[in-house]
Amino acid sequence: MPMSDPLKKPNFKGANTEQAIIAEMMRWIHDRGCAVVVWTEKELCGVDPYDIESVMIEWANESIEMNSDNEQTS
């Protein structure tokens, strides 16, 4: 999948709500080859976002290590 122009900025012109701004930013980051996941405050149901981030990072790192063809250097 081709990535968008790295110099192109996110397009917030049509984003008239906070949700639309977040979606545009996610699209912009994803188009640069990054994995992007966002849970809203409502979706978190009172769970501390830092706890969720910690688990996501841990599980994602394990998945990357298990599925990567390349040796990761520290």
C-alpha atoms as a PDB file:
ATOM      1  CA  MET A   1       0.000   0.000   0.000  1.00  0.00           C
ATOM      2  CA  PRO A   2       1.568   3.313  -1.034  1.00  0.00           C
ATOM      3  CA  MET A   3       2.058   5.866   1.690  1.00  0.00           C
ATOM      4  CA  SER A   4       0.882   9.417   1.227  1.00  0.00           C
ATOM      5  CA  ASP A   5       3.278  12.288   0.654  1.00  0.00           C
ATOM      6  CA  PRO A   6       5.318  12.630   3.888  1.00  0.00           C
ATOM      7  CA  LEU A   7       5.271  16.411   3.604  1.00  0.00           C
ATOM      8  CA  LYS A   8       1.479  16.563   3.263  1.00  0.00           C
ATOM      9  CA  LYS A   9      -0.182  17.768   6.457  1.00  0.00           C
ATOM     10  CA  PRO A  10      -3.383  16.284   7.898  1.00  0.00           C
ATOM     11  CA  ASN A  11      -6.512  17.729   6.307  1.00  0.00           C
ATOM     12  CA  PHE A  12      -8.695  19.089   9.084  1.00  0.00           C
ATOM     13  CA  LYS A  13     -10.871  21.268   6.812  1.00  0.00           C
ATOM     14  CA  GLY A  14     -13.795  18.841   6.841  1.00  0.00           C
ATOM     15  CA  ALA A  15     -13.199  17.829  10.460  1.00  0.00           C
ATOM     16  CA  ASN A  16     -15.780  19.776  12.413  1.00  0.00           C
ATOM     17  CA  THR A  17     -15.924  17.540  15.499  1.00  0.00           C
ATOM     18  CA  GLU A  18     -13.325  16.193  17.881  1.00  0.00           C
ATOM     19  CA  GLN A  19     -14.068  12.678  16.607  1.00  0.00           C
ATOM     20  CA  ALA A  20     -13.452  13.766  12.992  1.00  0.00           C
ATOM     21  CA  ILE A  21     -10.158  15.429  13.953  1.00  0.00           C
ATOM     22  CA  ILE A  22      -9.004  12.266  15.733  1.00  0.00           C
ATOM     23  CA  ALA A  23     -10.026  10.134  12.731  1.00  0.00           C
ATOM     24  CA  GLU A  24      -8.086  12.386  10.332  1.00  0.00           C
ATOM     25  CA  MET A  25      -4.992  12.299  12.538  1.00  0.00           C
ATOM     26  CA  MET A  26      -5.230   8.506  12.769  1.00  0.00           C
ATOM     27  CA  ARG A  27      -5.529   8.251   8.960  1.00  0.00           C
ATOM     28  CA  TRP A  28      -2.535  10.571   8.503  1.00  0.00           C
ATOM     29  CA  ILE A  29      -0.350   8.560  10.910  1.00  0.00           C
ATOM     30  CA  HIS A  30      -1.524   5.230   9.470  1.00  0.00           C
ATOM     31  CA  ASP A  31      -0.701   6.404   5.934  1.00  0.00           C
ATOM     32  CA  ARG A  32       2.904   6.719   7.085  1.00  0.00           C
ATOM     33  CA  GLY A  33       3.071   3.010   7.887  1.00  0.00           C
ATOM     34  CA  CYS A  34       2.314   3.187  11.611  1.00  0.00           C
ATOM     35  CA  ALA A  35      -0.131   1.002  13.524  1.00  0.00           C
ATOM     36  CA  VAL A  36      -2.781   3.204  15.129  1.00  0.00           C
ATOM     37  CA  VAL A  37      -5.364   2.312  17.772  1.00  0.00           C
ATOM     38  CA  VAL A  38      -7.496   4.765  19.746  1.00  0.00           C
ATOM     39  CA  TRP A  39     -10.169   4.086  22.351  1.00  0.00           C
ATOM     40  CA  THR A  40     -12.345   6.975  23.414  1.00  0.00           C
ATOM     41  CA  GLU A  41     -13.027   7.850  27.030  1.00  0.00           C
ATOM     42  CA  LYS A  42     -16.501   6.316  26.609  1.00  0.00           C
ATOM     43  CA  GLU A  43     -15.056   3.073  25.207  1.00  0.00           C
ATOM     44  CA  LEU A  44     -12.565   2.850  28.088  1.00  0.00           C
ATOM     45  CA  CYS A  45     -15.463   2.771  30.577  1.00  0.00           C
ATOM     46  CA  GLY A  46     -13.405   4.384  33.337  1.00  0.00           C
ATOM     47  CA  VAL A  47     -10.309   2.205  32.857  1.00  0.00           C
ATOM     48  CA  ASP A  48      -7.058   4.172  33.170  1.00  0.00           C
ATOM     49  CA  PRO A  49      -5.748   4.847  29.621  1.00  0.00           C
ATOM     50  CA  TYR A  50      -2.157   4.364  30.819  1.00  0.00           C
ATOM     51  CA  ASP A  51      -3.003   0.808  31.907  1.00  0.00           C
ATOM     52  CA  ILE A  52      -4.476   0.048  28.478  1.00  0.00           C
ATOM     53  CA  GLU A  53      -1.472   1.597  26.704  1.00  0.00           C
ATOM     54  CA  SER A  54       0.924  -0.487  28.769  1.00  0.00           C
ATOM     55  CA  VAL A  55      -0.855  -3.737  27.895  1.00  0.00           C
ATOM     56  CA  MET A  56      -1.153  -2.739  24.228  1.00  0.00           C
ATOM     57  CA  ILE A  57       2.566  -1.996  24.014  1.00  0.00           C
ATOM     58  CA  GLU A  58       3.516  -5.257  25.722  1.00  0.00           C
ATOM     59  CA  TRP A  59       1.277  -7.423  23.533  1.00  0.00           C
ATOM     60  CA  ALA A  60       2.198  -5.580  20.357  1.00  0.00           C
ATOM     61  CA  ASN A  61       5.915  -5.958  21.050  1.00  0.00           C
ATOM     62  CA  GLU A  62       5.430  -9.706  21.544  1.00  0.00           C
ATOM     63  CA  SER A  63       3.448  -9.940  18.304  1.00  0.00           C
ATOM     64  CA  ILE A  64       6.067  -7.980  16.373  1.00  0.00           C
ATOM     65  CA  GLU A  65       8.859 -10.181  17.724  1.00  0.00           C
ATOM     66  CA  MET A  66       6.964 -13.378  16.870  1.00  0.00           C
ATOM     67  CA  ASN A  67       5.951 -12.276  13.363  1.00  0.00           C
ATOM     68  CA  SER A  68       8.884 -10.174  12.201  1.00  0.00           C
ATOM     69  CA  ASP A  69      11.304 -11.519   9.610  1.00  0.00           C
ATOM     70  CA  ASN A  70      13.946  -9.035  10.758  1.00  0.00           C
ATOM     71  CA  GLU A  71      16.064  -9.125  13.898  1.00  0.00           C
ATOM     72  CA  GLN A  72      15.255  -6.093  16.019  1.00  0.00           C
ATOM     73  CA  THR A  73      18.241  -4.139  17.272  1.00  0.00           C
ATOM     74  CA  SER A  74      18.111  -2.174  20.490  1.00  0.00           C
END
